[in-house]
Amino acid sequence: MPRASKPKNLSIRDVAELAGVSLGSASRVINKVANVSEGTREKVERAIKQLGYRPNHAAQSLRLRSSRTVGCLLTDVANPLYAKLYRGLEERLRPHGYMMLLANSLNQAEREIEILSTFVSRGMDGLLIAPGNERDREVLAAVRSLPVPTVILDRDMDSPTDSVLFEHVPGVKNLVQYLAGLGHKRIAMVLSQSPNRPIRRRTEGYRMGYKLAKLEVNEEFIVHLPSATSSAFEAVSTLLRRTDRPTALLVMGTTILNDTLNAIGAQRLRIPDDVSVVSFGDPDFAAGHVPAISSLRIDLEKAADEATALLLARMRGEEGPPKSVTLVSDFIPRGSCGPAPKKT
């Protein structure tokens, strides 16, 4: 097929003519509709490349009343677990012809309100959001007023919105009881400082586990850091230098976990002989660490499945009351957990 000269204003009609297919077939390929034969798709994609054609998304949006974009609001994608969730969401939406626009709120309420407003003004077809200020009245009001299909990710927000929630309480409660059964009476927990659902629920499960194990919580063993990416090295080192140091640590992955492991090494303590370690979340390096780090894990792939299924259904026009899917956490025991040391 000879290379065609590129006109000033290419249209989908030029693509269809060069590919030798109907206008409708070319449109289906460009809009990533599924019911197109492989042969037709190859012809159209070859013509697009040869012409250097770029779809006019503004015109498509007006014609289809769809921008084929989904807004995603996360607190900070520098957190590797958020990055992993985002990748899973993006991979599931792409085959349906949707591109995701990511915005980081950095836990700032004003920024979250601004981002939500921008998503709406830019004509997003749907939203996947995890605001860092779920209890802020203005943020809640902004979420309640969203005019497009929205799925909230692991936040307790009084809004008529679909949601995917992670059930943290039973997992942490059972984990504390498990460690108590190994003889641990001083179990510390290192988290970020946040009033959001994950932190509240984990703390609730921690206290419940202590109560069921008939142990008394030492409030100094609940350590809150400024954020999930804050350095935990000094805070954990301080805990480990105590004469009544904890014999087990429950810590958020990934940055906090890495700092915790470095602090344990700096104090010349051994895992699990001197201190047991469990990560909230299962970062990639946990299984390969020596010893491998036990994890309380939420299946992020499953979370991405559920969130995108809810959103796609709403964007297709499904109606009905808000739906909520709750995912339970799995404890993955590895070499970092052992009996409490006899002398501490």
C-alpha atoms as a PDB file:
ATOM      1  CA  MET A   1       0.000   0.000   0.000  1.00  0.00           C
ATOM      2  CA  PRO A   2       1.700   3.266  -1.086  1.00  0.00           C
ATOM      3  CA  ARG A   3       2.233   5.899   1.576  1.00  0.00           C
ATOM      4  CA  ALA A   4      -0.397   8.607   1.269  1.00  0.00           C
ATOM      5  CA  SER A   5       0.456  12.251   1.654  1.00  0.00           C
ATOM      6  CA  LYS A   6      -0.890  13.724   4.862  1.00  0.00           C
ATOM      7  CA  PRO A   7      -3.668  16.283   4.280  1.00  0.00           C
ATOM      8  CA  LYS A   8      -4.051  19.214   6.630  1.00  0.00           C
ATOM      9  CA  ASN A   9      -7.334  18.040   8.121  1.00  0.00           C
ATOM     10  CA  LEU A  10      -7.531  14.268   8.269  1.00  0.00           C
ATOM     11  CA  SER A  11     -10.812  12.647   9.160  1.00  0.00           C
ATOM     12  CA  ILE A  12     -12.034   9.197   9.979  1.00  0.00           C
ATOM     13  CA  ARG A  13     -13.363   9.050   6.421  1.00  0.00           C
ATOM     14  CA  ASP A  14      -9.780   9.255   5.100  1.00  0.00           C
ATOM     15  CA  VAL A  15      -8.832   6.343   7.348  1.00  0.00           C
ATOM     16  CA  ALA A  16     -11.789   4.255   6.147  1.00  0.00           C
ATOM     17  CA  GLU A  17     -11.038   4.950   2.464  1.00  0.00           C
ATOM     18  CA  LEU A  18      -7.343   4.070   2.776  1.00  0.00           C
ATOM     19  CA  ALA A  19      -8.130   0.909   4.741  1.00  0.00           C
ATOM     20  CA  GLY A  20     -10.862  -0.104   2.301  1.00  0.00           C
ATOM     21  CA  VAL A  21     -13.483  -0.539   5.034  1.00  0.00           C
ATOM     22  CA  SER A  22     -16.753   1.143   5.891  1.00  0.00           C
ATOM     23  CA  LEU A  23     -16.903   4.313   7.941  1.00  0.00           C
ATOM     24  CA  GLY A  24     -18.649   2.383  10.722  1.00  0.00           C
ATOM     25  CA  SER A  25     -15.895  -0.256  10.837  1.00  0.00           C
ATOM     26  CA  ALA A  26     -13.198   2.409  11.049  1.00  0.00           C
ATOM     27  CA  SER A  27     -15.130   4.132  13.841  1.00  0.00           C
ATOM     28  CA  ARG A  28     -15.441   0.904  15.836  1.00  0.00           C
ATOM     29  CA  VAL A  29     -11.703   0.284  15.640  1.00  0.00           C
ATOM     30  CA  ILE A  30     -10.816   3.852  16.635  1.00  0.00           C
ATOM     31  CA  ASN A  31     -13.264   3.739  19.566  1.00  0.00           C
ATOM     32  CA  LYS A  32     -11.970   0.302  20.642  1.00  0.00           C
ATOM     33  CA  VAL A  33     -15.314  -1.451  20.242  1.00  0.00           C
ATOM     34  CA  ALA A  34     -15.023  -5.210  20.627  1.00  0.00           C
ATOM     35  CA  ASN A  35     -17.133  -6.476  17.713  1.00  0.00           C
ATOM     36  CA  VAL A  36     -14.539  -5.949  14.955  1.00  0.00           C
ATOM     37  CA  SER A  37     -12.746  -8.714  13.059  1.00  0.00           C
ATOM     38  CA  GLU A  38      -9.000  -8.972  13.472  1.00  0.00           C
ATOM     39  CA  GLY A  39      -8.483  -8.419   9.746  1.00  0.00           C
ATOM     40  CA  THR A  40     -10.490  -5.194   9.762  1.00  0.00           C
ATOM     41  CA  ARG A  41      -8.695  -3.978  12.879  1.00  0.00           C
ATOM     42  CA  GLU A  42      -5.293  -4.560  11.269  1.00  0.00           C
ATOM     43  CA  LYS A  43      -6.311  -2.681   8.094  1.00  0.00           C
ATOM     44  CA  VAL A  44      -7.590   0.311  10.037  1.00  0.00           C
ATOM     45  CA  GLU A  45      -4.609   0.450  12.395  1.00  0.00           C
ATOM     46  CA  ARG A  46      -2.256   0.245   9.403  1.00  0.00           C
ATOM     47  CA  ALA A  47      -4.102   3.118   7.704  1.00  0.00           C
ATOM     48  CA  ILE A  48      -4.019   5.197  10.910  1.00  0.00           C
ATOM     49  CA  LYS A  49      -0.257   4.714  11.159  1.00  0.00           C
ATOM     50  CA  GLN A  50       0.295   5.436   7.475  1.00  0.00           C
ATOM     51  CA  LEU A  51      -1.739   8.636   7.547  1.00  0.00           C
ATOM     52  CA  GLY A  52      -0.488   9.779  10.916  1.00  0.00           C
ATOM     53  CA  TYR A  53      -4.144  10.191  11.904  1.00  0.00           C
ATOM     54  CA  ARG A  54      -4.989  11.403  15.412  1.00  0.00           C
ATOM     55  CA  PRO A  55      -8.632  11.252  16.533  1.00  0.00           C
ATOM     56  CA  ASN A  56     -10.298  14.546  17.428  1.00  0.00           C
ATOM     57  CA  HIS A  57     -11.325  13.634  20.963  1.00  0.00           C
ATOM     58  CA  ALA A  58     -13.317  16.826  21.437  1.00  0.00           C
ATOM     59  CA  ALA A  59     -15.428  16.009  18.373  1.00  0.00           C
ATOM     60  CA  GLN A  60     -15.773  12.394  19.485  1.00  0.00           C
ATOM     61  CA  SER A  61     -16.957  13.498  22.915  1.00  0.00           C
ATOM     62  CA  LEU A  62     -19.641  15.701  21.403  1.00  0.00           C
ATOM     63  CA  ARG A  63     -20.747  13.014  18.988  1.00  0.00           C
ATOM     64  CA  LEU A  64     -20.678  10.084  21.415  1.00  0.00           C
ATOM     65  CA  ARG A  65     -21.447  12.120  24.557  1.00  0.00           C
ATOM     66  CA  SER A  66     -18.500  10.316  26.079  1.00  0.00           C
ATOM     67  CA  SER A  67     -14.921  11.426  26.733  1.00  0.00           C
ATOM     68  CA  ARG A  68     -13.717   7.795  27.108  1.00  0.00           C
ATOM     69  CA  THR A  69     -11.781   8.920  30.177  1.00  0.00           C
ATOM     70  CA  VAL A  70     -12.012   7.973  33.845  1.00  0.00           C
ATOM     71  CA  GLY A  71     -10.660  10.145  36.638  1.00  0.00           C
ATOM     72  CA  CYS A  72      -8.752   8.496  39.480  1.00  0.00           C
ATOM     73  CA  LEU A  73      -8.131  10.381  42.731  1.00  0.00           C
ATOM     74  CA  LEU A  74      -5.568   8.853  45.108  1.00  0.00           C
ATOM     75  CA  THR A  75      -3.789  10.441  48.055  1.00  0.00           C
ATOM     76  CA  ASP A  76      -0.228   9.749  46.890  1.00  0.00           C
ATOM     77  CA  VAL A  77       0.824   7.386  44.125  1.00  0.00           C
ATOM     78  CA  ALA A  78       4.362   7.488  45.548  1.00  0.00           C
ATOM     79  CA  ASN A  79       2.988   4.812  47.880  1.00  0.00           C
ATOM     80  CA  PRO A  80       3.842   1.615  45.939  1.00  0.00           C
ATOM     81  CA  LEU A  81       0.629  -0.109  47.036  1.00  0.00           C
ATOM     82  CA  TYR A  82      -1.450   2.722  45.564  1.00  0.00           C
ATOM     83  CA  ALA A  83       0.664   2.534  42.411  1.00  0.00           C
ATOM     84  CA  LYS A  84      -0.069  -1.180  42.167  1.00  0.00           C
ATOM     85  CA  LEU A  85      -3.807  -0.586  42.592  1.00  0.00           C
ATOM     86  CA  TYR A  86      -3.762   2.163  39.950  1.00  0.00           C
ATOM     87  CA  ARG A  87      -2.007  -0.135  37.493  1.00  0.00           C
ATOM     88  CA  GLY A  88      -4.632  -2.806  38.076  1.00  0.00           C
ATOM     89  CA  LEU A  89      -7.472  -0.342  37.494  1.00  0.00           C
ATOM     90  CA  GLU A  90      -5.846   1.015  34.340  1.00  0.00           C
ATOM     91  CA  GLU A  91      -5.257  -2.460  32.910  1.00  0.00           C
ATOM     92  CA  ARG A  92      -8.923  -3.359  33.344  1.00  0.00           C
ATOM     93  CA  LEU A  93     -10.346  -0.161  31.865  1.00  0.00           C
ATOM     94  CA  ARG A  94      -8.070   0.034  28.834  1.00  0.00           C
ATOM     95  CA  PRO A  95      -9.633  -2.915  26.940  1.00  0.00           C
ATOM     96  CA  HIS A  96     -12.984  -1.112  27.212  1.00  0.00           C
ATOM     97  CA  GLY A  97     -11.525   1.950  25.501  1.00  0.00           C
ATOM     98  CA  TYR A  98     -11.099   4.127  28.592  1.00  0.00           C
ATOM     99  CA  MET A  99      -8.010   6.124  29.499  1.00  0.00           C
ATOM    100  CA  MET A 100      -7.409   7.018  33.144  1.00  0.00           C
ATOM    101  CA  LEU A 101      -6.407  10.445  34.368  1.00  0.00           C
ATOM    102  CA  LEU A 102      -4.579  10.227  37.707  1.00  0.00           C
ATOM    103  CA  ALA A 103      -4.531  13.004  40.293  1.00  0.00           C
ATOM    104  CA  ASN A 104      -2.712  12.957  43.626  1.00  0.00           C
ATOM    105  CA  SER A 105      -4.459  14.858  46.422  1.00  0.00           C
ATOM    106  CA  LEU A 106      -1.555  14.686  48.896  1.00  0.00           C
ATOM    107  CA  ASN A 107      -4.207  14.499  51.652  1.00  0.00           C
ATOM    108  CA  GLN A 108      -5.176  18.153  51.117  1.00  0.00           C
ATOM    109  CA  ALA A 109      -8.926  18.798  51.345  1.00  0.00           C
ATOM    110  CA  GLU A 110      -8.893  21.902  49.135  1.00  0.00           C
ATOM    111  CA  ARG A 111      -6.901  20.047  46.509  1.00  0.00           C
ATOM    112  CA  GLU A 112      -9.356  17.142  46.559  1.00  0.00           C
ATOM    113  CA  ILE A 113     -12.324  19.454  46.009  1.00  0.00           C
ATOM    114  CA  GLU A 114     -10.471  21.137  43.146  1.00  0.00           C
ATOM    115  CA  ILE A 115      -9.572  17.792  41.540  1.00  0.00           C
ATOM    116  CA  LEU A 116     -13.157  16.529  41.694  1.00  0.00           C
ATOM    117  CA  SER A 117     -14.367  19.779  40.115  1.00  0.00           C
ATOM    118  CA  THR A 118     -11.765  19.472  37.360  1.00  0.00           C
ATOM    119  CA  PHE A 119     -12.765  15.878  36.640  1.00  0.00           C
ATOM    120  CA  VAL A 120     -16.378  16.963  36.165  1.00  0.00           C
ATOM    121  CA  SER A 121     -15.547  20.026  34.052  1.00  0.00           C
ATOM    122  CA  ARG A 122     -13.398  17.920  31.746  1.00  0.00           C
ATOM    123  CA  GLY A 123     -16.242  15.525  31.094  1.00  0.00           C
ATOM    124  CA  MET A 124     -14.938  12.359  32.744  1.00  0.00           C
ATOM    125  CA  ASP A 125     -17.258   9.419  32.122  1.00  0.00           C
ATOM    126  CA  GLY A 126     -16.657   8.018  35.602  1.00  0.00           C
ATOM    127  CA  LEU A 127     -14.506   8.354  38.700  1.00  0.00           C
ATOM    128  CA  LEU A 128     -12.558   6.059  41.033  1.00  0.00           C
ATOM    129  CA  ILE A 129     -11.680   7.942  44.203  1.00  0.00           C
ATOM    130  CA  ALA A 130      -9.969   7.467  47.568  1.00  0.00           C
ATOM    131  CA  PRO A 131     -10.060  10.926  49.207  1.00  0.00           C
ATOM    132  CA  GLY A 132      -7.655  11.542  52.039  1.00  0.00           C
ATOM    133  CA  ASN A 133     -10.239  13.658  53.897  1.00  0.00           C
ATOM    134  CA  GLU A 134     -13.281  11.417  54.090  1.00  0.00           C
ATOM    135  CA  ARG A 135     -14.634  13.255  57.149  1.00  0.00           C
ATOM    136  CA  ASP A 136     -14.204  16.769  55.782  1.00  0.00           C
ATOM    137  CA  ARG A 137     -17.681  18.271  55.247  1.00  0.00           C
ATOM    138  CA  GLU A 138     -16.752  20.122  52.078  1.00  0.00           C
ATOM    139  CA  VAL A 139     -15.049  17.091  50.551  1.00  0.00           C
ATOM    140  CA  LEU A 140     -18.079  14.971  51.411  1.00  0.00           C
ATOM    141  CA  ALA A 141     -20.393  17.569  49.867  1.00  0.00           C
ATOM    142  CA  ALA A 142     -18.289  17.548  46.685  1.00  0.00           C
ATOM    143  CA  VAL A 143     -18.497  13.744  46.481  1.00  0.00           C
ATOM    144  CA  ARG A 144     -22.243  13.732  47.089  1.00  0.00           C
ATOM    145  CA  SER A 145     -22.800  16.219  44.263  1.00  0.00           C
ATOM    146  CA  LEU A 146     -20.783  14.331  41.633  1.00  0.00           C
ATOM    147  CA  PRO A 147     -22.931  14.013  38.483  1.00  0.00           C
ATOM    148  CA  VAL A 148     -21.031  11.048  37.006  1.00  0.00           C
ATOM    149  CA  PRO A 149     -20.748   7.370  38.036  1.00  0.00           C
ATOM    150  CA  THR A 150     -18.310   7.092  40.917  1.00  0.00           C
ATOM    151  CA  VAL A 151     -16.777   4.279  42.971  1.00  0.00           C
ATOM    152  CA  ILE A 152     -15.247   5.074  46.366  1.00  0.00           C
ATOM    153  CA  LEU A 153     -12.213   2.996  47.337  1.00  0.00           C
ATOM    154  CA  ASP A 154     -11.980   1.989  51.025  1.00  0.00           C
ATOM    155  CA  ARG A 155     -13.482   5.099  52.572  1.00  0.00           C
ATOM    156  CA  ASP A 156     -16.430   5.519  54.958  1.00  0.00           C
ATOM    157  CA  MET A 157     -18.394   8.315  53.304  1.00  0.00           C
ATOM    158  CA  ASP A 158     -22.097   8.977  53.727  1.00  0.00           C
ATOM    159  CA  SER A 159     -22.777   9.290  50.018  1.00  0.00           C
ATOM    160  CA  PRO A 160     -25.137   7.459  47.622  1.00  0.00           C
ATOM    161  CA  THR A 161     -22.135   6.053  45.814  1.00  0.00           C
ATOM    162  CA  ASP A 162     -20.890   2.565  44.968  1.00  0.00           C
ATOM    163  CA  SER A 163     -17.886   1.473  47.002  1.00  0.00           C
ATOM    164  CA  VAL A 164     -15.232  -1.197  47.410  1.00  0.00           C
ATOM    165  CA  LEU A 165     -14.231  -1.585  51.056  1.00  0.00           C
ATOM    166  CA  PHE A 166     -11.433  -3.536  52.716  1.00  0.00           C
ATOM    167  CA  GLU A 167     -12.420  -5.309  55.932  1.00  0.00           C
ATOM    168  CA  HIS A 168      -9.441  -4.536  58.179  1.00  0.00           C
ATOM    169  CA  VAL A 169     -10.833  -5.264  61.660  1.00  0.00           C
ATOM    170  CA  PRO A 170     -11.063  -9.081  61.656  1.00  0.00           C
ATOM    171  CA  GLY A 171      -7.655  -9.490  60.054  1.00  0.00           C
ATOM    172  CA  VAL A 172      -5.806  -7.316  62.569  1.00  0.00           C
ATOM    173  CA  LYS A 173      -7.784  -8.730  65.498  1.00  0.00           C
ATOM    174  CA  ASN A 174      -6.919 -12.297  64.500  1.00  0.00           C
ATOM    175  CA  LEU A 175      -3.307 -11.325  63.877  1.00  0.00           C
ATOM    176  CA  VAL A 176      -2.888  -9.929  67.405  1.00  0.00           C
ATOM    177  CA  GLN A 177      -4.448 -13.078  68.836  1.00  0.00           C
ATOM    178  CA  TYR A 178      -2.135 -15.205  66.694  1.00  0.00           C
ATOM    179  CA  LEU A 179       0.936 -13.395  68.029  1.00  0.00           C
ATOM    180  CA  ALA A 180      -0.398 -13.570  71.587  1.00  0.00           C
ATOM    181  CA  GLY A 181      -0.692 -17.316  71.080  1.00  0.00           C
ATOM    182  CA  LEU A 182       3.029 -17.358  70.279  1.00  0.00           C
ATOM    183  CA  GLY A 183       3.684 -15.720  73.654  1.00  0.00           C
ATOM    184  CA  HIS A 184       3.928 -12.083  72.539  1.00  0.00           C
ATOM    185  CA  LYS A 185       2.556  -9.672  75.132  1.00  0.00           C
ATOM    186  CA  ARG A 186       4.124  -6.457  73.800  1.00  0.00           C
ATOM    187  CA  ILE A 187       2.953  -5.928  70.225  1.00  0.00           C
ATOM    188  CA  ALA A 188       3.544  -2.506  68.667  1.00  0.00           C
ATOM    189  CA  MET A 189       1.830  -1.048  65.600  1.00  0.00           C
ATOM    190  CA  VAL A 190       3.347   1.591  63.300  1.00  0.00           C
ATOM    191  CA  LEU A 191       0.920   3.473  61.039  1.00  0.00           C
ATOM    192  CA  SER A 192       0.536   6.765  59.262  1.00  0.00           C
ATOM    193  CA  GLN A 193      -1.334   9.617  60.956  1.00  0.00           C
ATOM    194  CA  SER A 194      -4.751   9.669  59.309  1.00  0.00           C
ATOM    195  CA  PRO A 195      -8.415   9.710  60.364  1.00  0.00           C
ATOM    196  CA  ASN A 196      -9.357   7.560  57.376  1.00  0.00           C
ATOM    197  CA  ARG A 197     -11.006   4.169  57.343  1.00  0.00           C
ATOM    198  CA  PRO A 198      -7.873   1.965  56.962  1.00  0.00           C
ATOM    199  CA  ILE A 199      -6.114   3.518  59.967  1.00  0.00           C
ATOM    200  CA  ARG A 200      -9.248   3.629  62.139  1.00  0.00           C
ATOM    201  CA  ARG A 201     -10.209   0.058  61.338  1.00  0.00           C
ATOM    202  CA  ARG A 202      -6.728  -1.334  61.871  1.00  0.00           C
ATOM    203  CA  THR A 203      -6.516   0.418  65.216  1.00  0.00           C
ATOM    204  CA  GLU A 204      -9.938  -0.945  66.149  1.00  0.00           C
ATOM    205  CA  GLY A 205      -8.847  -4.476  65.237  1.00  0.00           C
ATOM    206  CA  TYR A 206      -5.603  -4.050  67.189  1.00  0.00           C
ATOM    207  CA  ARG A 207      -7.435  -3.015  70.353  1.00  0.00           C
ATOM    208  CA  MET A 208     -10.004  -5.761  69.932  1.00  0.00           C
ATOM    209  CA  GLY A 209      -7.263  -8.374  69.538  1.00  0.00           C
ATOM    210  CA  TYR A 210      -5.551  -7.162  72.703  1.00  0.00           C
ATOM    211  CA  LYS A 211      -8.814  -7.330  74.615  1.00  0.00           C
ATOM    212  CA  LEU A 212      -9.616 -10.864  73.448  1.00  0.00           C
ATOM    213  CA  ALA A 213      -6.072 -11.938  74.344  1.00  0.00           C
ATOM    214  CA  LYS A 214      -6.625 -10.430  77.820  1.00  0.00           C
ATOM    215  CA  LEU A 215      -3.704  -8.052  77.387  1.00  0.00           C
ATOM    216  CA  GLU A 216      -3.490  -4.355  78.209  1.00  0.00           C
ATOM    217  CA  VAL A 217      -2.672  -1.928  75.391  1.00  0.00           C
ATOM    218  CA  ASN A 218       0.357   0.316  75.931  1.00  0.00           C
ATOM    219  CA  GLU A 219      -0.636   3.502  74.092  1.00  0.00           C
ATOM    220  CA  GLU A 220       3.051   4.255  73.418  1.00  0.00           C
ATOM    221  CA  PHE A 221       3.126   1.129  71.248  1.00  0.00           C
ATOM    222  CA  ILE A 222       0.691   2.707  68.773  1.00  0.00           C
ATOM    223  CA  VAL A 223       2.955   4.913  66.665  1.00  0.00           C
ATOM    224  CA  HIS A 224       1.514   7.347  64.105  1.00  0.00           C
ATOM    225  CA  LEU A 225       3.801   8.847  61.470  1.00  0.00           C
ATOM    226  CA  PRO A 226       2.950  11.975  59.436  1.00  0.00           C
ATOM    227  CA  SER A 227       2.252   9.957  56.269  1.00  0.00           C
ATOM    228  CA  ALA A 228       2.579   6.518  54.686  1.00  0.00           C
ATOM    229  CA  THR A 229       5.845   7.612  53.062  1.00  0.00           C
ATOM    230  CA  SER A 230       7.354   9.230  56.173  1.00  0.00           C
ATOM    231  CA  SER A 231      10.572   7.829  57.600  1.00  0.00           C
ATOM    232  CA  ALA A 232       9.890   5.323  60.380  1.00  0.00           C
ATOM    233  CA  PHE A 233      13.517   4.596  61.221  1.00  0.00           C
ATOM    234  CA  GLU A 234      13.852   6.803  64.296  1.00  0.00           C
ATOM    235  CA  ALA A 235      10.394   5.986  65.661  1.00  0.00           C
ATOM    236  CA  VAL A 236      10.994   2.240  65.411  1.00  0.00           C
ATOM    237  CA  SER A 237      14.526   2.592  66.780  1.00  0.00           C
ATOM    238  CA  THR A 238      13.104   4.394  69.811  1.00  0.00           C
ATOM    239  CA  LEU A 239      10.685   1.538  70.412  1.00  0.00           C
ATOM    240  CA  LEU A 240      13.434  -1.062  70.141  1.00  0.00           C
ATOM    241  CA  ARG A 241      15.720   0.777  72.575  1.00  0.00           C
ATOM    242  CA  ARG A 242      13.133   0.581  75.354  1.00  0.00           C
ATOM    243  CA  THR A 243      13.832  -1.762  78.265  1.00  0.00           C
ATOM    244  CA  ASP A 244      10.319  -3.101  77.727  1.00  0.00           C
ATOM    245  CA  ARG A 245      10.705  -3.122  73.948  1.00  0.00           C
ATOM    246  CA  PRO A 246       7.993  -4.772  71.845  1.00  0.00           C
ATOM    247  CA  THR A 247       8.613  -8.341  70.765  1.00  0.00           C
ATOM    248  CA  ALA A 248       6.398  -8.001  67.686  1.00  0.00           C
ATOM    249  CA  LEU A 249       5.837  -5.159  65.206  1.00  0.00           C
ATOM    250  CA  LEU A 250       2.845  -4.627  62.927  1.00  0.00           C
ATOM    251  CA  VAL A 251       3.804  -2.061  60.303  1.00  0.00           C
ATOM    252  CA  MET A 252       2.465  -0.529  57.130  1.00  0.00           C
ATOM    253  CA  GLY A 253       4.287  -1.417  53.925  1.00  0.00           C
ATOM    254  CA  THR A 254       6.196  -0.326  51.896  1.00  0.00           C
ATOM    255  CA  THR A 255       8.360   2.583  53.041  1.00  0.00           C
ATOM    256  CA  ILE A 256       7.524   2.091  56.721  1.00  0.00           C
ATOM    257  CA  LEU A 257       8.293  -1.613  56.487  1.00  0.00           C
ATOM    258  CA  ASN A 258      11.644  -0.968  54.832  1.00  0.00           C
ATOM    259  CA  ASP A 259      12.616   1.558  57.522  1.00  0.00           C
ATOM    260  CA  THR A 260      11.489  -0.881  60.214  1.00  0.00           C
ATOM    261  CA  LEU A 261      13.735  -3.625  58.860  1.00  0.00           C
ATOM    262  CA  ASN A 262      16.666  -1.201  58.754  1.00  0.00           C
ATOM    263  CA  ALA A 263      15.992  -0.108  62.345  1.00  0.00           C
ATOM    264  CA  ILE A 264      15.906  -3.725  63.532  1.00  0.00           C
ATOM    265  CA  GLY A 265      19.229  -4.360  61.813  1.00  0.00           C
ATOM    266  CA  ALA A 266      20.766  -1.206  63.293  1.00  0.00           C
ATOM    267  CA  GLN A 267      19.836  -2.428  66.794  1.00  0.00           C
ATOM    268  CA  ARG A 268      21.497  -5.773  65.983  1.00  0.00           C
ATOM    269  CA  LEU A 269      18.274  -7.649  66.587  1.00  0.00           C
ATOM    270  CA  ARG A 270      17.276 -10.767  64.701  1.00  0.00           C
ATOM    271  CA  ILE A 271      13.995 -11.573  62.977  1.00  0.00           C
ATOM    272  CA  PRO A 272      12.121 -13.532  64.320  1.00  0.00           C
ATOM    273  CA  ASP A 273      14.355 -14.595  67.238  1.00  0.00           C
ATOM    274  CA  ASP A 274      14.311 -11.165  68.893  1.00  0.00           C
ATOM    275  CA  VAL A 275      11.339  -9.504  67.211  1.00  0.00           C
ATOM    276  CA  SER A 276       8.574 -10.732  64.919  1.00  0.00           C
ATOM    277  CA  VAL A 277       7.391  -8.551  62.027  1.00  0.00           C
ATOM    278  CA  VAL A 278       4.131  -8.427  60.058  1.00  0.00           C
ATOM    279  CA  SER A 279       3.403  -6.031  57.202  1.00  0.00           C
ATOM    280  CA  PHE A 280       0.016  -4.481  56.441  1.00  0.00           C
ATOM    281  CA  GLY A 281       0.020  -5.043  52.708  1.00  0.00           C
ATOM    282  CA  ASP A 282       2.285  -7.378  50.807  1.00  0.00           C
ATOM    283  CA  PRO A 283       4.936  -5.335  48.959  1.00  0.00           C
ATOM    284  CA  ASP A 284       6.898  -7.114  46.267  1.00  0.00           C
ATOM    285  CA  PHE A 285      10.080  -7.418  48.319  1.00  0.00           C
ATOM    286  CA  ALA A 286       8.370  -9.037  51.341  1.00  0.00           C
ATOM    287  CA  ALA A 287       8.447 -12.605  50.017  1.00  0.00           C
ATOM    288  CA  GLY A 288      12.083 -12.279  48.879  1.00  0.00           C
ATOM    289  CA  HIS A 289      13.410 -10.787  52.109  1.00  0.00           C
ATOM    290  CA  VAL A 290      15.494 -13.017  54.401  1.00  0.00           C
ATOM    291  CA  PRO A 291      13.599 -14.070  56.374  1.00  0.00           C
ATOM    292  CA  ALA A 292      10.446 -13.608  54.270  1.00  0.00           C
ATOM    293  CA  ILE A 293       8.071 -11.081  55.824  1.00  0.00           C
ATOM    294  CA  SER A 294       4.635 -12.217  56.972  1.00  0.00           C
ATOM    295  CA  SER A 295       1.854 -10.060  55.541  1.00  0.00           C
ATOM    296  CA  LEU A 296      -1.761  -9.160  56.125  1.00  0.00           C
ATOM    297  CA  ARG A 297      -2.756  -8.699  52.513  1.00  0.00           C
ATOM    298  CA  ILE A 298      -5.699  -7.308  50.611  1.00  0.00           C
ATOM    299  CA  ASP A 299      -5.893  -8.736  47.095  1.00  0.00           C
ATOM    300  CA  LEU A 300      -5.425  -5.554  45.034  1.00  0.00           C
ATOM    301  CA  GLU A 301      -6.118  -7.408  41.796  1.00  0.00           C
ATOM    302  CA  LYS A 302      -9.498  -8.454  43.180  1.00  0.00           C
ATOM    303  CA  ALA A 303     -10.106  -4.901  44.351  1.00  0.00           C
ATOM    304  CA  ALA A 304      -9.402  -3.629  40.832  1.00  0.00           C
ATOM    305  CA  ASP A 305     -11.769  -6.263  39.399  1.00  0.00           C
ATOM    306  CA  GLU A 306     -14.618  -5.253  41.683  1.00  0.00           C
ATOM    307  CA  ALA A 307     -14.120  -1.492  41.358  1.00  0.00           C
ATOM    308  CA  THR A 308     -13.983  -1.489  37.560  1.00  0.00           C
ATOM    309  CA  ALA A 309     -16.946  -3.880  37.295  1.00  0.00           C
ATOM    310  CA  LEU A 310     -19.072  -1.529  39.404  1.00  0.00           C
ATOM    311  CA  LEU A 311     -17.957   1.532  37.455  1.00  0.00           C
ATOM    312  CA  LEU A 312     -18.397  -0.011  34.001  1.00  0.00           C
ATOM    313  CA  ALA A 313     -21.912  -1.149  34.897  1.00  0.00           C
ATOM    314  CA  ARG A 314     -22.891   2.382  35.939  1.00  0.00           C
ATOM    315  CA  MET A 315     -21.286   3.918  32.866  1.00  0.00           C
ATOM    316  CA  ARG A 316     -23.353   1.524  30.738  1.00  0.00           C
ATOM    317  CA  GLY A 317     -26.453   2.992  32.369  1.00  0.00           C
ATOM    318  CA  GLU A 318     -27.208   0.447  35.106  1.00  0.00           C
ATOM    319  CA  GLU A 319     -29.487   1.938  37.720  1.00  0.00           C
ATOM    320  CA  GLY A 320     -30.410   0.965  41.258  1.00  0.00           C
ATOM    321  CA  PRO A 321     -29.352   1.626  44.842  1.00  0.00           C
ATOM    322  CA  PRO A 322     -25.660   2.003  45.727  1.00  0.00           C
ATOM    323  CA  LYS A 323     -23.670  -1.221  45.850  1.00  0.00           C
ATOM    324  CA  SER A 324     -20.861  -2.020  48.240  1.00  0.00           C
ATOM    325  CA  VAL A 325     -18.354  -4.844  47.909  1.00  0.00           C
ATOM    326  CA  THR A 326     -16.271  -5.804  50.944  1.00  0.00           C
ATOM    327  CA  LEU A 327     -12.977  -7.671  50.571  1.00  0.00           C
ATOM    328  CA  VAL A 328     -11.411  -9.555  53.470  1.00  0.00           C
ATOM    329  CA  SER A 329      -7.687  -9.612  54.189  1.00  0.00           C
ATOM    330  CA  ASP A 330      -5.543 -12.750  54.069  1.00  0.00           C
ATOM    331  CA  PHE A 331      -2.775 -13.491  56.542  1.00  0.00           C
ATOM    332  CA  ILE A 332       0.292 -14.896  54.817  1.00  0.00           C
ATOM    333  CA  PRO A 333       2.550 -16.429  57.485  1.00  0.00           C
ATOM    334  CA  ARG A 334       6.228 -16.457  56.582  1.00  0.00           C
ATOM    335  CA  GLY A 335       9.564 -16.671  58.345  1.00  0.00           C
ATOM    336  CA  SER A 336       9.346 -13.304  60.119  1.00  0.00           C
ATOM    337  CA  CYS A 337       6.973 -14.578  62.837  1.00  0.00           C
ATOM    338  CA  GLY A 338       8.086 -16.785  65.689  1.00  0.00           C
ATOM    339  CA  PRO A 339       7.617 -17.369  69.420  1.00  0.00           C
ATOM    340  CA  ALA A 340       8.264 -14.456  71.748  1.00  0.00           C
ATOM    341  CA  PRO A 341      11.846 -14.433  73.074  1.00  0.00           C
ATOM    342  CA  LYS A 342      12.066 -15.859  76.564  1.00  0.00           C
ATOM    343  CA  LYS A 343      14.230 -13.032  77.917  1.00  0.00           C
ATOM    344  CA  THR A 344      13.572  -9.420  76.964  1.00  0.00           C
END
